[in-house]
C-alpha atoms as a PDB file:
ATOM      1  CA  MET A   1      -7.143  14.402 -15.588  1.00  0.00           C
ATOM      2  CA  ILE A   2      -4.873  13.197 -12.763  1.00  0.00           C
ATOM      3  CA  GLU A   3      -6.489  10.513 -10.503  1.00  0.00           C
ATOM      4  CA  LEU A   4      -6.164  10.837  -6.747  1.00  0.00           C
ATOM      5  CA  SER A   5      -5.578   7.072  -6.322  1.00  0.00           C
ATOM      6  CA  ARG A   6      -6.557   4.287  -8.324  1.00  0.00           C
ATOM      7  CA  ARG A   7      -9.019   1.715  -6.281  1.00  0.00           C
ATOM      8  CA  GLN A   8      -9.332  -1.338  -8.608  1.00  0.00           C
ATOM      9  CA  LEU A   9      -6.503  -3.718  -9.739  1.00  0.00           C
ATOM     10  CA  ASP A  10      -6.496  -4.288 -13.502  1.00  0.00           C
ATOM     11  CA  PHE A  11      -6.075  -8.080 -14.461  1.00  0.00           C
ATOM     12  CA  GLY A  12      -2.147  -8.048 -14.728  1.00  0.00           C
ATOM     13  CA  ASP A  13      -1.175  -6.219 -11.873  1.00  0.00           C
ATOM     14  CA  GLY A  14      -1.212  -9.099  -9.494  1.00  0.00           C
ATOM     15  CA  PHE A  15       1.318 -10.914 -11.758  1.00  0.00           C
ATOM     16  CA  ILE A  16       3.481  -7.971 -12.339  1.00  0.00           C
ATOM     17  CA  ALA A  17       3.451  -7.217  -8.232  1.00  0.00           C
ATOM     18  CA  GLU A  18       4.718 -10.624  -7.819  1.00  0.00           C
ATOM     19  CA  GLU A  19       7.392 -10.351 -10.325  1.00  0.00           C
ATOM     20  CA  VAL A  20       8.713  -6.979  -9.160  1.00  0.00           C
ATOM     21  CA  GLY A  21       8.240  -7.219  -5.473  1.00  0.00           C
ATOM     22  CA  GLU A  22      11.562  -8.136  -4.701  1.00  0.00           C
ATOM     23  CA  LEU A  23      13.160  -5.466  -6.613  1.00  0.00           C
ATOM     24  CA  TRP A  24      11.559  -2.587  -4.013  1.00  0.00           C
ATOM     25  CA  GLU A  25      13.767  -1.362  -1.945  1.00  0.00           C
ATOM     26  CA  ASP A  26      13.191  -0.326   1.871  1.00  0.00           C
ATOM     27  CA  TRP A  27      12.307   3.230   1.282  1.00  0.00           C
ATOM     28  CA  MET A  28       9.643   2.523  -1.626  1.00  0.00           C
ATOM     29  CA  ARG A  29       7.721  -0.012   1.122  1.00  0.00           C
ATOM     30  CA  HIS A  30       7.533   3.082   3.148  1.00  0.00           C
ATOM     31  CA  VAL A  31       6.309   5.519   0.915  1.00  0.00           C
ATOM     32  CA  ASP A  32       3.609   2.986  -0.252  1.00  0.00           C
ATOM     33  CA  THR A  33       2.478   2.620   3.374  1.00  0.00           C
ATOM     34  CA  VAL A  34       2.234   6.377   3.693  1.00  0.00           C
ATOM     35  CA  LEU A  35       0.358   6.806   0.273  1.00  0.00           C
ATOM     36  CA  ASP A  36      -2.495   4.578   1.490  1.00  0.00           C
ATOM     37  CA  ASP A  37      -3.389   7.850   3.821  1.00  0.00           C
ATOM     38  CA  PRO A  38      -6.286   9.001   2.168  1.00  0.00           C
ATOM     39  CA  LEU A  39      -6.043  12.511   4.212  1.00  0.00           C
ATOM     40  CA  LEU A  40      -2.513  12.853   2.909  1.00  0.00           C
ATOM     41  CA  LEU A  41      -3.494  12.060  -0.656  1.00  0.00           C
ATOM     42  CA  GLU A  42      -6.281  14.700  -0.611  1.00  0.00           C
ATOM     43  CA  VAL A  43      -3.892  17.355   0.872  1.00  0.00           C
ATOM     44  CA  ALA A  44      -1.445  16.765  -1.964  1.00  0.00           C
ATOM     45  CA  TYR A  45      -4.256  16.633  -4.573  1.00  0.00           C
ATOM     46  CA  GLU A  46      -5.713  19.640  -3.575  1.00  0.00           C
ATOM     47  CA  ALA A  47      -2.110  21.417  -3.673  1.00  0.00           C
END
């Protein structure tokens, strides 16, 4: 089953995010904010 989104972080996610945060490119940050839109995720998930 494919999850629509993952709400709760795992224990190590915060540590990993700190380590790889500077590796993100500008387009990745833009896409990450777009994916915060629950309506957009719902439409994509249903398709």
